[in-house]
Amino acid sequence: MKKMKNLLLSALIVAPITASASGMGVYIPFTPSQSDTVSLGSSSTEYTRNFNSGAGFGVAFDSNIGKDKLYNYRLGLEYGSADFSDNPELTKSTFNVVNTFGFGVYRNSRVRLWVGPRLNIQFSKYAHSTNPNYGGGEFGIGIAAATGINVSLGRVVSLAADIDYRNAVVAGSHDYTSTYGTSSSSYSGVNSGVTARFYVLFKFGETFQPVSAQQQNQNAVDQSL
């Protein structure tokens, strides 16, 4: 039942952008650096948890890969994992919904360079490679500053890359199960880090047409009526 609910939720998220997308593709997210600054329960004492570099896999939908228009919206659904630096046996796995609002500061028929903000919604879980009794979960919402580039290889395929720096407010718990039951320690704080993403995107009949040419075509149609 839980898996079915997750599938239905994913379908509700993906359906609107799929209907209006100019293209879609796959990508690899790579996080060379990230850390958590958190406090346990109601304690005001903070401590920092660092992570090793991590990678994953994602699917992206984009409203404007290479058109001569200012704005694009990109939805990314991705999964990745990273180990704790001070405890490599403990792994944090994350499902991330990445909402990118891009503004094309430079664009031609081959290249689109954009900047813009990102809104991330993340769901994480912890697993210990040698101790199945240890686990936990986390939820977070964050914002990021991002910049990226799309390079058209023809009418169908584009390569793309972007990089961002994010700060996310997170809350979660570490759980330990023993013969006496399950004990939990809750925490809250901020997750921050840098992520680079590398894409292969496929365009749905999208073409680069300058705004002036679009206006001329529209005027020609109006005069013919």
N, C-alpha and C. Protein backbone atom coordinates (compact mmCIF):
# COMPACT_ATOMS: atom_id res chain seq x y z
N MET A 1 0.82 -1.21 0.00
CA MET A 1 0.00 0.00 0.00
C MET A 1 0.85 1.26 0.00
N LYS A 2 1.95 1.24 0.80
CA LYS A 2 2.83 2.42 0.87
C LYS A 2 3.47 2.67 -0.48
N LYS A 3 3.92 1.59 -1.17
CA LYS A 3 4.53 1.77 -2.49
C LYS A 3 3.52 2.34 -3.48
N MET A 4 2.29 1.88 -3.39
CA MET A 4 1.26 2.39 -4.29
C MET A 4 1.01 3.88 -4.07
N LYS A 5 0.99 4.31 -2.82
CA LYS A 5 0.80 5.73 -2.51
C LYS A 5 1.95 6.55 -3.07
N ASN A 6 3.19 6.03 -2.95
CA ASN A 6 4.34 6.75 -3.48
C ASN A 6 4.28 6.87 -5.00
N LEU A 7 3.82 5.82 -5.67
CA LEU A 7 3.68 5.85 -7.12
C LEU A 7 2.63 6.86 -7.54
N LEU A 8 1.50 6.90 -6.83
CA LEU A 8 0.44 7.85 -7.16
C LEU A 8 0.90 9.28 -6.93
N LEU A 9 1.65 9.52 -5.84
CA LEU A 9 2.18 10.85 -5.56
C LEU A 9 3.15 11.29 -6.65
N SER A 10 4.02 10.37 -7.09
CA SER A 10 4.96 10.69 -8.16
C SER A 10 4.22 11.02 -9.45
N ALA A 11 3.15 10.28 -9.74
CA ALA A 11 2.38 10.53 -10.95
C ALA A 11 1.73 11.91 -10.92
N LEU A 12 1.21 12.31 -9.76
CA LEU A 12 0.59 13.63 -9.63
C LEU A 12 1.61 14.74 -9.82
N ILE A 13 2.85 14.51 -9.37
CA ILE A 13 3.90 15.51 -9.52
C ILE A 13 4.33 15.61 -10.98
N VAL A 14 4.51 14.46 -11.62
CA VAL A 14 5.08 14.43 -12.97
C VAL A 14 4.08 14.80 -14.04
N ALA A 15 2.81 14.46 -13.88
CA ALA A 15 1.83 14.63 -14.95
C ALA A 15 1.74 16.06 -15.49
N PRO A 16 1.62 17.10 -14.67
CA PRO A 16 1.49 18.46 -15.23
C PRO A 16 2.69 18.90 -16.05
N ILE A 17 3.91 18.66 -15.57
CA ILE A 17 5.09 19.09 -16.31
C ILE A 17 5.28 18.25 -17.56
N THR A 18 4.91 16.95 -17.52
CA THR A 18 5.02 16.12 -18.71
C THR A 18 4.14 16.65 -19.83
N ALA A 19 2.94 17.11 -19.48
CA ALA A 19 2.00 17.61 -20.49
C ALA A 19 2.50 18.86 -21.18
N SER A 20 3.27 19.70 -20.48
CA SER A 20 3.72 20.97 -21.04
C SER A 20 5.22 20.98 -21.35
N ALA A 21 5.92 19.87 -21.11
CA ALA A 21 7.37 19.85 -21.29
C ALA A 21 7.75 19.92 -22.76
N SER A 22 8.85 20.63 -23.03
CA SER A 22 9.43 20.65 -24.38
C SER A 22 10.46 19.56 -24.55
N GLY A 23 10.80 18.88 -23.46
CA GLY A 23 11.75 17.79 -23.54
C GLY A 23 11.96 17.12 -22.20
N MET A 24 12.66 16.00 -22.23
CA MET A 24 12.96 15.27 -21.00
C MET A 24 14.27 14.53 -21.21
N GLY A 25 14.80 14.00 -20.12
CA GLY A 25 16.04 13.25 -20.24
C GLY A 25 16.44 12.63 -18.92
N VAL A 26 17.66 12.14 -18.88
CA VAL A 26 18.22 11.51 -17.69
C VAL A 26 19.49 12.27 -17.29
N TYR A 27 19.89 12.11 -16.03
CA TYR A 27 21.07 12.82 -15.58
C TYR A 27 21.70 12.14 -14.38
N ILE A 28 22.93 12.54 -14.10
CA ILE A 28 23.68 12.05 -12.95
C ILE A 28 23.96 13.22 -12.01
N PRO A 29 23.43 13.20 -10.80
CA PRO A 29 23.79 14.22 -9.80
C PRO A 29 25.04 13.77 -9.04
N PHE A 30 25.99 14.69 -8.87
CA PHE A 30 27.23 14.40 -8.14
C PHE A 30 27.43 15.47 -7.08
N THR A 31 27.54 15.05 -5.83
CA THR A 31 27.71 15.96 -4.70
C THR A 31 29.10 15.77 -4.11
N PRO A 32 30.06 16.65 -4.44
CA PRO A 32 31.41 16.49 -3.90
C PRO A 32 31.53 16.87 -2.44
N SER A 33 30.59 17.71 -1.96
CA SER A 33 30.71 18.20 -0.59
C SER A 33 29.34 18.52 -0.02
N GLN A 34 29.06 18.02 1.19
CA GLN A 34 27.86 18.40 1.92
C GLN A 34 28.06 18.13 3.40
N SER A 35 27.30 18.82 4.22
CA SER A 35 27.39 18.65 5.67
C SER A 35 26.06 19.01 6.32
N ASP A 36 25.85 18.48 7.52
CA ASP A 36 24.70 18.82 8.36
C ASP A 36 25.19 19.55 9.60
N THR A 37 24.51 20.62 9.96
CA THR A 37 24.72 21.27 11.24
C THR A 37 23.42 21.15 12.00
N VAL A 38 23.38 20.28 13.01
CA VAL A 38 22.13 19.91 13.67
C VAL A 38 22.28 19.96 15.18
N SER A 39 21.13 19.95 15.85
CA SER A 39 21.07 19.85 17.31
C SER A 39 20.06 18.78 17.67
N LEU A 40 20.33 18.03 18.73
CA LEU A 40 19.47 16.93 19.16
C LEU A 40 18.33 17.43 20.03
N GLY A 41 17.10 16.98 19.71
CA GLY A 41 15.94 17.29 20.52
C GLY A 41 15.79 18.78 20.77
N SER A 42 15.60 19.15 22.01
CA SER A 42 15.45 20.56 22.38
C SER A 42 16.77 21.21 22.75
N SER A 43 17.88 20.49 22.61
CA SER A 43 19.18 21.02 22.96
C SER A 43 19.60 22.14 22.00
N SER A 44 20.27 23.13 22.53
CA SER A 44 20.77 24.23 21.71
C SER A 44 22.21 23.99 21.25
N THR A 45 22.80 22.89 21.68
CA THR A 45 24.17 22.56 21.29
C THR A 45 24.19 21.97 19.89
N GLU A 46 24.95 22.58 18.99
CA GLU A 46 25.01 22.13 17.61
C GLU A 46 26.29 21.33 17.37
N TYR A 47 26.19 20.41 16.43
CA TYR A 47 27.38 19.70 15.97
C TYR A 47 27.26 19.47 14.48
N THR A 48 28.40 19.25 13.84
CA THR A 48 28.45 19.14 12.38
C THR A 48 28.76 17.71 11.96
N ARG A 49 28.01 17.23 10.97
CA ARG A 49 28.25 15.91 10.39
C ARG A 49 28.65 16.11 8.94
N ASN A 50 29.82 15.60 8.56
CA ASN A 50 30.30 15.72 7.19
C ASN A 50 30.09 14.42 6.43
N PHE A 51 29.95 14.54 5.10
CA PHE A 51 29.71 13.39 4.25
C PHE A 51 30.80 13.25 3.20
N ASN A 52 31.06 12.02 2.79
CA ASN A 52 31.91 11.79 1.63
C ASN A 52 31.15 12.17 0.36
N SER A 53 31.85 12.27 -0.74
CA SER A 53 31.19 12.58 -2.01
C SER A 53 30.22 11.47 -2.36
N GLY A 54 29.13 11.85 -3.05
CA GLY A 54 28.11 10.89 -3.43
C GLY A 54 27.54 11.18 -4.80
N ALA A 55 26.92 10.18 -5.40
CA ALA A 55 26.34 10.32 -6.74
C ALA A 55 25.00 9.60 -6.78
N GLY A 56 24.28 9.75 -7.90
CA GLY A 56 22.98 9.11 -8.02
C GLY A 56 22.50 9.09 -9.45
N PHE A 57 21.18 9.07 -9.61
CA PHE A 57 20.54 9.00 -10.94
C PHE A 57 19.25 9.78 -10.89
N GLY A 58 18.92 10.46 -12.00
CA GLY A 58 17.70 11.26 -12.03
C GLY A 58 17.04 11.31 -13.40
N VAL A 59 15.77 11.72 -13.38
CA VAL A 59 14.99 11.95 -14.59
C VAL A 59 14.51 13.40 -14.57
N ALA A 60 14.66 14.11 -15.69
CA ALA A 60 14.32 15.52 -15.75
C ALA A 60 13.29 15.81 -16.83
N PHE A 61 12.41 16.78 -16.56
CA PHE A 61 11.46 17.30 -17.52
C PHE A 61 11.69 18.81 -17.61
N ASP A 62 11.75 19.36 -18.83
CA ASP A 62 12.09 20.78 -18.99
C ASP A 62 11.14 21.44 -19.97
N SER A 63 10.68 22.65 -19.62
CA SER A 63 9.74 23.38 -20.46
C SER A 63 10.43 24.15 -21.59
N ASN A 64 11.75 24.31 -21.51
CA ASN A 64 12.48 25.09 -22.53
C ASN A 64 13.95 24.69 -22.50
N ILE A 65 14.33 23.81 -23.43
CA ILE A 65 15.71 23.36 -23.49
C ILE A 65 16.54 24.28 -24.39
N GLY A 66 15.96 24.72 -25.51
CA GLY A 66 16.74 25.54 -26.43
C GLY A 66 15.96 26.56 -27.21
N LYS A 67 14.75 26.88 -26.79
CA LYS A 67 13.96 27.90 -27.50
C LYS A 67 14.46 29.30 -27.14
N ASP A 68 14.17 30.26 -28.01
CA ASP A 68 14.57 31.65 -27.76
C ASP A 68 13.53 32.32 -26.86
N LYS A 69 13.42 31.80 -25.64
CA LYS A 69 12.52 32.37 -24.65
C LYS A 69 13.28 32.51 -23.33
N LEU A 70 12.91 33.52 -22.56
CA LEU A 70 13.65 33.84 -21.35
C LEU A 70 13.57 32.76 -20.29
N TYR A 71 12.37 32.21 -20.06
CA TYR A 71 12.12 31.40 -18.87
C TYR A 71 12.08 29.91 -19.18
N ASN A 72 12.55 29.10 -18.23
CA ASN A 72 12.33 27.65 -18.29
C ASN A 72 12.11 27.11 -16.88
N TYR A 73 11.31 26.06 -16.81
CA TYR A 73 11.10 25.34 -15.56
C TYR A 73 11.58 23.91 -15.76
N ARG A 74 12.43 23.44 -14.87
CA ARG A 74 12.95 22.08 -14.95
C ARG A 74 12.60 21.33 -13.67
N LEU A 75 11.97 20.18 -13.84
CA LEU A 75 11.65 19.30 -12.71
C LEU A 75 12.59 18.11 -12.74
N GLY A 76 13.29 17.89 -11.64
CA GLY A 76 14.16 16.73 -11.53
C GLY A 76 13.71 15.82 -10.41
N LEU A 77 13.64 14.54 -10.70
CA LEU A 77 13.33 13.50 -9.70
C LEU A 77 14.56 12.62 -9.60
N GLU A 78 15.24 12.65 -8.45
CA GLU A 78 16.53 11.99 -8.37
C GLU A 78 16.70 11.21 -7.08
N TYR A 79 17.60 10.23 -7.16
CA TYR A 79 17.94 9.41 -6.00
C TYR A 79 19.47 9.38 -5.90
N GLY A 80 19.99 9.55 -4.68
CA GLY A 80 21.42 9.51 -4.47
C GLY A 80 21.75 9.07 -3.06
N SER A 81 23.02 8.79 -2.82
CA SER A 81 23.45 8.36 -1.49
C SER A 81 24.86 8.85 -1.21
N ALA A 82 25.17 8.97 0.09
CA ALA A 82 26.50 9.39 0.53
C ALA A 82 26.77 8.80 1.90
N ASP A 83 28.04 8.47 2.17
CA ASP A 83 28.44 7.93 3.46
C ASP A 83 28.92 9.05 4.39
N PHE A 84 28.76 8.84 5.68
CA PHE A 84 29.31 9.76 6.67
C PHE A 84 30.83 9.69 6.64
N SER A 85 31.49 10.84 6.72
CA SER A 85 32.95 10.86 6.69
C SER A 85 33.57 10.16 7.90
N ASP A 86 32.98 10.36 9.08
CA ASP A 86 33.55 9.78 10.29
C ASP A 86 33.00 8.38 10.58
N ASN A 87 32.05 7.91 9.76
CA ASN A 87 31.49 6.58 9.95
C ASN A 87 31.02 6.04 8.60
N PRO A 88 31.96 5.56 7.75
CA PRO A 88 31.61 5.13 6.39
C PRO A 88 30.60 3.99 6.32
N GLU A 89 30.38 3.29 7.43
CA GLU A 89 29.40 2.21 7.43
C GLU A 89 27.97 2.74 7.46
N LEU A 90 27.81 4.02 7.78
CA LEU A 90 26.48 4.63 7.85
C LEU A 90 26.23 5.43 6.58
N THR A 91 25.14 5.11 5.87
CA THR A 91 24.83 5.73 4.58
C THR A 91 23.51 6.49 4.65
N LYS A 92 23.52 7.65 4.05
CA LYS A 92 22.30 8.46 3.92
C LYS A 92 21.84 8.40 2.47
N SER A 93 20.65 7.84 2.23
CA SER A 93 20.07 7.76 0.89
C SER A 93 18.93 8.77 0.78
N THR A 94 18.89 9.51 -0.33
CA THR A 94 17.95 10.62 -0.45
C THR A 94 17.20 10.57 -1.76
N PHE A 95 15.87 10.76 -1.69
CA PHE A 95 15.04 11.02 -2.87
C PHE A 95 14.75 12.51 -2.88
N ASN A 96 15.08 13.17 -3.98
CA ASN A 96 15.04 14.62 -4.05
C ASN A 96 14.15 15.07 -5.20
N VAL A 97 13.23 15.99 -4.92
CA VAL A 97 12.41 16.64 -5.95
C VAL A 97 13.00 18.03 -6.17
N VAL A 98 13.59 18.25 -7.35
CA VAL A 98 14.34 19.47 -7.63
C VAL A 98 13.54 20.35 -8.58
N ASN A 99 13.12 21.53 -8.12
CA ASN A 99 12.37 22.48 -8.93
C ASN A 99 13.29 23.64 -9.30
N THR A 100 13.59 23.78 -10.59
CA THR A 100 14.50 24.81 -11.07
C THR A 100 13.75 25.86 -11.88
N PHE A 101 13.98 27.13 -11.56
CA PHE A 101 13.36 28.24 -12.26
C PHE A 101 14.47 29.04 -12.95
N GLY A 102 14.66 28.77 -14.25
CA GLY A 102 15.81 29.31 -14.97
C GLY A 102 15.45 30.50 -15.85
N PHE A 103 16.43 31.41 -16.00
CA PHE A 103 16.29 32.59 -16.85
C PHE A 103 17.49 32.64 -17.79
N GLY A 104 17.22 32.54 -19.10
CA GLY A 104 18.27 32.45 -20.09
C GLY A 104 18.97 33.79 -20.31
N VAL A 105 20.15 33.95 -19.73
CA VAL A 105 20.89 35.22 -19.85
C VAL A 105 21.64 35.30 -21.17
N TYR A 106 21.91 34.14 -21.77
CA TYR A 106 22.52 34.11 -23.12
C TYR A 106 21.94 32.91 -23.85
N ARG A 107 21.51 33.10 -25.08
CA ARG A 107 20.91 32.02 -25.83
C ARG A 107 21.05 32.25 -27.33
N ASN A 108 21.40 31.19 -28.04
CA ASN A 108 21.37 31.18 -29.50
C ASN A 108 20.94 29.79 -29.94
N SER A 109 21.11 29.47 -31.21
CA SER A 109 20.60 28.19 -31.72
C SER A 109 21.37 27.00 -31.18
N ARG A 110 22.54 27.23 -30.58
CA ARG A 110 23.37 26.14 -30.07
C ARG A 110 23.45 26.10 -28.55
N VAL A 111 23.48 27.25 -27.92
CA VAL A 111 23.78 27.34 -26.49
C VAL A 111 22.72 28.13 -25.75
N ARG A 112 22.35 27.65 -24.60
CA ARG A 112 21.50 28.39 -23.67
C ARG A 112 22.19 28.41 -22.31
N LEU A 113 22.53 29.59 -21.84
CA LEU A 113 23.15 29.77 -20.53
C LEU A 113 22.12 30.42 -19.62
N TRP A 114 21.87 29.81 -18.46
CA TRP A 114 20.80 30.30 -17.60
C TRP A 114 21.28 30.40 -16.14
N VAL A 115 20.57 31.20 -15.37
CA VAL A 115 20.76 31.30 -13.93
C VAL A 115 19.38 31.32 -13.28
N GLY A 116 19.33 30.98 -12.00
CA GLY A 116 18.04 31.03 -11.32
C GLY A 116 18.04 30.29 -10.00
N PRO A 117 16.94 30.40 -9.28
CA PRO A 117 16.81 29.72 -7.99
C PRO A 117 16.28 28.30 -8.12
N ARG A 118 16.48 27.53 -7.07
CA ARG A 118 15.96 26.17 -6.99
C ARG A 118 15.24 25.97 -5.67
N LEU A 119 14.20 25.14 -5.71
CA LEU A 119 13.50 24.71 -4.52
C LEU A 119 13.58 23.20 -4.46
N ASN A 120 14.15 22.67 -3.37
CA ASN A 120 14.34 21.24 -3.20
C ASN A 120 13.43 20.70 -2.09
N ILE A 121 12.84 19.55 -2.34
CA ILE A 121 12.10 18.81 -1.32
C ILE A 121 12.74 17.44 -1.23
N GLN A 122 13.25 17.08 -0.06
CA GLN A 122 14.03 15.85 0.05
C GLN A 122 13.52 14.93 1.16
N PHE A 123 13.60 13.64 0.86
CA PHE A 123 13.24 12.59 1.82
C PHE A 123 14.44 11.65 1.93
N SER A 124 14.94 11.46 3.15
CA SER A 124 16.14 10.65 3.34
C SER A 124 15.90 9.53 4.35
N LYS A 125 16.72 8.49 4.23
CA LYS A 125 16.73 7.44 5.23
C LYS A 125 18.17 7.01 5.48
N TYR A 126 18.41 6.47 6.67
CA TYR A 126 19.74 6.04 7.06
C TYR A 126 19.77 4.52 7.16
N ALA A 127 20.92 3.94 6.79
CA ALA A 127 21.11 2.49 6.92
C ALA A 127 22.55 2.23 7.32
N HIS A 128 22.73 1.23 8.17
CA HIS A 128 24.06 0.84 8.63
C HIS A 128 24.43 -0.48 7.96
N SER A 129 25.61 -0.54 7.34
CA SER A 129 25.97 -1.71 6.54
C SER A 129 26.20 -2.96 7.38
N THR A 130 26.56 -2.82 8.65
CA THR A 130 26.83 -3.99 9.49
C THR A 130 25.87 -4.14 10.66
N ASN A 131 24.99 -3.16 10.85
CA ASN A 131 24.06 -3.21 11.99
C ASN A 131 22.65 -2.89 11.50
N PRO A 132 21.87 -3.91 11.14
CA PRO A 132 20.52 -3.68 10.62
C PRO A 132 19.55 -3.09 11.64
N ASN A 133 19.94 -3.08 12.91
CA ASN A 133 19.07 -2.52 13.94
C ASN A 133 19.12 -0.99 13.99
N TYR A 134 20.06 -0.41 13.27
CA TYR A 134 20.22 1.05 13.30
C TYR A 134 19.67 1.65 12.00
N GLY A 135 18.89 2.72 12.13
CA GLY A 135 18.33 3.38 10.94
C GLY A 135 17.83 4.76 11.29
N GLY A 136 16.88 5.24 10.50
CA GLY A 136 16.33 6.57 10.73
C GLY A 136 15.83 7.19 9.45
N GLY A 137 15.20 8.36 9.59
CA GLY A 137 14.67 9.06 8.43
C GLY A 137 14.75 10.57 8.61
N GLU A 138 14.56 11.29 7.50
CA GLU A 138 14.72 12.74 7.53
C GLU A 138 13.87 13.37 6.42
N PHE A 139 13.38 14.59 6.69
CA PHE A 139 12.65 15.38 5.70
C PHE A 139 13.27 16.77 5.66
N GLY A 140 13.36 17.34 4.46
CA GLY A 140 13.95 18.67 4.35
C GLY A 140 13.39 19.48 3.20
N ILE A 141 13.41 20.79 3.36
CA ILE A 141 13.04 21.73 2.30
C ILE A 141 14.15 22.77 2.20
N GLY A 142 14.63 22.99 0.98
CA GLY A 142 15.75 23.90 0.84
C GLY A 142 15.68 24.76 -0.40
N ILE A 143 16.51 25.79 -0.44
CA ILE A 143 16.65 26.66 -1.60
C ILE A 143 18.10 26.65 -2.03
N ALA A 144 18.32 26.96 -3.31
CA ALA A 144 19.67 26.94 -3.85
C ALA A 144 19.79 27.99 -4.95
N ALA A 145 20.99 28.50 -5.12
CA ALA A 145 21.33 29.34 -6.27
C ALA A 145 21.99 28.44 -7.30
N ALA A 146 21.53 28.52 -8.55
CA ALA A 146 22.00 27.59 -9.57
C ALA A 146 22.33 28.32 -10.87
N THR A 147 23.23 27.73 -11.64
CA THR A 147 23.53 28.20 -12.99
C THR A 147 23.84 26.99 -13.85
N GLY A 148 23.52 27.07 -15.14
CA GLY A 148 23.73 25.92 -16.00
C GLY A 148 23.80 26.29 -17.46
N ILE A 149 24.11 25.29 -18.28
CA ILE A 149 24.24 25.48 -19.71
C ILE A 149 23.64 24.29 -20.45
N ASN A 150 22.93 24.56 -21.54
CA ASN A 150 22.42 23.54 -22.45
C ASN A 150 23.13 23.71 -23.79
N VAL A 151 23.63 22.62 -24.36
CA VAL A 151 24.31 22.66 -25.66
C VAL A 151 23.58 21.73 -26.61
N SER A 152 23.02 22.30 -27.68
CA SER A 152 22.26 21.52 -28.66
C SER A 152 23.20 20.77 -29.60
N LEU A 153 22.94 19.47 -29.78
CA LEU A 153 23.71 18.65 -30.72
C LEU A 153 22.93 18.39 -32.01
N GLY A 154 21.77 18.97 -32.13
CA GLY A 154 20.92 18.75 -33.30
C GLY A 154 19.47 18.99 -32.96
N ARG A 155 18.58 18.46 -33.74
CA ARG A 155 17.15 18.71 -33.56
C ARG A 155 16.57 17.93 -32.39
N VAL A 156 17.25 16.88 -31.95
CA VAL A 156 16.66 16.00 -30.95
C VAL A 156 17.41 16.02 -29.62
N VAL A 157 18.74 15.99 -29.65
CA VAL A 157 19.53 15.77 -28.44
C VAL A 157 20.26 17.03 -28.01
N SER A 158 20.29 17.26 -26.70
CA SER A 158 21.10 18.31 -26.08
C SER A 158 21.85 17.73 -24.89
N LEU A 159 23.06 18.21 -24.68
CA LEU A 159 23.80 17.92 -23.47
C LEU A 159 23.69 19.13 -22.54
N ALA A 160 23.65 18.89 -21.24
CA ALA A 160 23.48 20.00 -20.30
C ALA A 160 24.24 19.70 -19.01
N ALA A 161 24.55 20.76 -18.30
CA ALA A 161 25.20 20.64 -16.99
C ALA A 161 24.81 21.84 -16.16
N ASP A 162 24.73 21.66 -14.85
CA ASP A 162 24.50 22.80 -13.96
C ASP A 162 25.14 22.52 -12.61
N ILE A 163 25.23 23.56 -11.81
CA ILE A 163 25.81 23.45 -10.48
C ILE A 163 25.04 24.36 -9.53
N ASP A 164 24.88 23.94 -8.28
CA ASP A 164 24.16 24.77 -7.31
C ASP A 164 24.80 24.65 -5.94
N TYR A 165 24.47 25.60 -5.09
CA TYR A 165 24.82 25.55 -3.68
C TYR A 165 23.53 25.72 -2.90
N ARG A 166 23.21 24.76 -2.03
CA ARG A 166 21.91 24.74 -1.35
C ARG A 166 22.05 24.83 0.16
N ASN A 167 20.99 25.30 0.77
CA ASN A 167 20.79 25.23 2.22
C ASN A 167 19.38 24.72 2.44
N ALA A 168 19.26 23.64 3.19
CA ALA A 168 17.96 23.03 3.44
C ALA A 168 17.71 22.88 4.93
N VAL A 169 16.52 23.24 5.36
CA VAL A 169 16.10 22.99 6.74
C VAL A 169 15.65 21.54 6.84
N VAL A 170 16.24 20.80 7.76
CA VAL A 170 15.95 19.37 7.87
C VAL A 170 15.52 19.01 9.29
N ALA A 171 14.75 17.94 9.38
CA ALA A 171 14.33 17.39 10.67
C ALA A 171 14.21 15.88 10.51
N GLY A 172 14.66 15.15 11.51
CA GLY A 172 14.60 13.70 11.41
C GLY A 172 14.90 13.02 12.72
N SER A 173 15.18 11.72 12.64
CA SER A 173 15.48 10.95 13.85
C SER A 173 16.39 9.78 13.51
N HIS A 174 17.21 9.40 14.47
CA HIS A 174 18.00 8.18 14.40
C HIS A 174 17.33 7.15 15.31
N ASP A 175 17.12 5.95 14.77
CA ASP A 175 16.40 4.90 15.50
C ASP A 175 17.30 3.69 15.73
N TYR A 176 17.16 3.11 16.90
CA TYR A 176 17.90 1.89 17.22
C TYR A 176 16.94 0.87 17.83
N THR A 177 16.92 -0.32 17.25
CA THR A 177 16.01 -1.39 17.70
C THR A 177 16.80 -2.47 18.43
N SER A 178 16.33 -2.82 19.60
CA SER A 178 16.96 -3.89 20.38
C SER A 178 15.87 -4.80 20.94
N THR A 179 16.27 -5.74 21.76
CA THR A 179 15.29 -6.65 22.37
C THR A 179 14.37 -5.92 23.34
N TYR A 180 14.75 -4.72 23.74
CA TYR A 180 13.94 -3.92 24.67
C TYR A 180 13.00 -2.95 23.94
N GLY A 181 13.05 -2.97 22.59
CA GLY A 181 12.21 -2.06 21.83
C GLY A 181 13.04 -1.12 20.97
N THR A 182 12.38 -0.08 20.46
CA THR A 182 13.04 0.90 19.58
C THR A 182 13.17 2.23 20.29
N SER A 183 14.37 2.75 20.30
CA SER A 183 14.62 4.08 20.87
C SER A 183 14.98 5.04 19.75
N SER A 184 14.52 6.28 19.87
CA SER A 184 14.75 7.28 18.83
C SER A 184 15.34 8.55 19.43
N SER A 185 16.19 9.19 18.66
CA SER A 185 16.72 10.51 19.03
C SER A 185 16.45 11.46 17.86
N SER A 186 15.61 12.47 18.11
CA SER A 186 15.25 13.40 17.05
C SER A 186 16.28 14.52 16.95
N TYR A 187 16.32 15.15 15.80
CA TYR A 187 17.25 16.25 15.57
C TYR A 187 16.65 17.20 14.54
N SER A 188 17.19 18.39 14.45
CA SER A 188 16.82 19.37 13.43
C SER A 188 18.02 20.25 13.15
N GLY A 189 18.04 20.85 11.97
CA GLY A 189 19.18 21.68 11.62
C GLY A 189 19.17 22.06 10.16
N VAL A 190 20.37 22.22 9.60
CA VAL A 190 20.53 22.69 8.22
C VAL A 190 21.50 21.77 7.49
N ASN A 191 21.09 21.35 6.29
CA ASN A 191 21.95 20.60 5.39
C ASN A 191 22.42 21.54 4.29
N SER A 192 23.70 21.57 4.01
CA SER A 192 24.23 22.45 2.97
C SER A 192 25.25 21.71 2.14
N GLY A 193 25.41 22.14 0.88
CA GLY A 193 26.39 21.48 0.02
C GLY A 193 26.29 21.92 -1.42
N VAL A 194 27.23 21.45 -2.20
CA VAL A 194 27.33 21.74 -3.63
C VAL A 194 26.96 20.49 -4.41
N THR A 195 26.14 20.64 -5.47
CA THR A 195 25.79 19.52 -6.33
C THR A 195 25.93 19.93 -7.79
N ALA A 196 26.58 19.08 -8.57
CA ALA A 196 26.67 19.26 -10.02
C ALA A 196 25.83 18.17 -10.69
N ARG A 197 25.16 18.53 -11.77
CA ARG A 197 24.33 17.57 -12.50
C ARG A 197 24.69 17.58 -13.98
N PHE A 198 24.72 16.38 -14.57
CA PHE A 198 25.11 16.22 -15.97
C PHE A 198 24.00 15.47 -16.71
N TYR A 199 23.47 16.10 -17.78
CA TYR A 199 22.24 15.63 -18.42
C TYR A 199 22.46 15.21 -19.87
N VAL A 200 21.60 14.28 -20.31
CA VAL A 200 21.33 14.05 -21.72
C VAL A 200 19.83 14.29 -21.90
N LEU A 201 19.48 15.32 -22.70
CA LEU A 201 18.09 15.74 -22.85
C LEU A 201 17.61 15.51 -24.27
N PHE A 202 16.34 15.14 -24.40
CA PHE A 202 15.72 14.88 -25.69
C PHE A 202 14.58 15.88 -25.91
N LYS A 203 14.62 16.59 -27.03
CA LYS A 203 13.65 17.64 -27.31
C LYS A 203 12.45 17.10 -28.07
N PHE A 204 11.25 17.62 -27.73
CA PHE A 204 10.00 17.21 -28.38
C PHE A 204 9.67 18.20 -29.50
N GLY A 205 10.37 18.12 -30.64
CA GLY A 205 10.08 19.01 -31.76
C GLY A 205 10.39 20.46 -31.49
N GLU A 206 11.21 20.74 -30.52
CA GLU A 206 11.54 22.11 -30.14
C GLU A 206 12.55 22.71 -31.11
N THR A 207 12.35 23.97 -31.54
CA THR A 207 13.28 24.66 -32.41
C THR A 207 13.59 26.04 -31.86
N PHE A 208 14.78 26.54 -32.21
CA PHE A 208 15.17 27.90 -31.80
C PHE A 208 14.69 28.86 -32.88
N GLN A 209 13.80 29.76 -32.50
CA GLN A 209 13.28 30.76 -33.42
C GLN A 209 13.28 32.10 -32.71
N PRO A 210 14.08 33.05 -33.20
CA PRO A 210 14.12 34.37 -32.54
C PRO A 210 12.75 34.99 -32.44
N VAL A 211 12.55 35.79 -31.40
CA VAL A 211 11.26 36.42 -31.16
C VAL A 211 10.84 37.27 -32.34
N SER A 212 11.78 37.96 -32.99
CA SER A 212 11.44 38.81 -34.15
C SER A 212 10.87 37.98 -35.28
N ALA A 213 11.42 36.75 -35.49
CA ALA A 213 10.90 35.88 -36.54
C ALA A 213 9.51 35.38 -36.19
N GLN A 214 9.28 35.10 -34.91
CA GLN A 214 7.96 34.65 -34.48
C GLN A 214 6.93 35.75 -34.73
N GLN A 215 7.29 36.99 -34.46
CA GLN A 215 6.37 38.11 -34.68
C GLN A 215 6.07 38.29 -36.16
N GLN A 216 7.10 38.13 -37.01
CA GLN A 216 6.89 38.25 -38.45
C GLN A 216 5.94 37.18 -38.95
N ASN A 217 6.12 35.94 -38.45
CA ASN A 217 5.22 34.84 -38.85
C ASN A 217 3.79 35.14 -38.40
N GLN A 218 3.63 35.69 -37.19
CA GLN A 218 2.32 35.99 -36.68
C GLN A 218 1.66 37.08 -37.52
N ASN A 219 2.45 38.11 -37.91
CA ASN A 219 1.92 39.20 -38.73
C ASN A 219 1.48 38.69 -40.11
N ALA A 220 2.27 37.75 -40.65
CA ALA A 220 1.92 37.19 -41.96
C ALA A 220 0.62 36.43 -41.89
N VAL A 221 0.40 35.70 -40.80
CA VAL A 221 -0.83 34.96 -40.62
C VAL A 221 -2.01 35.92 -40.49
N ASP A 222 -1.82 37.00 -39.71
CA ASP A 222 -2.90 37.96 -39.51
C ASP A 222 -3.29 38.63 -40.82
N GLN A 223 -2.31 38.96 -41.67
CA GLN A 223 -2.61 39.64 -42.93
C GLN A 223 -3.32 38.72 -43.91
N SER A 224 -3.06 37.41 -43.80
CA SER A 224 -3.69 36.48 -44.71
C SER A 224 -5.15 36.21 -44.35
N LEU A 225 -5.55 36.57 -43.15
CA LEU A 225 -6.93 36.28 -42.70
C LEU A 225 -7.91 37.28 -43.24
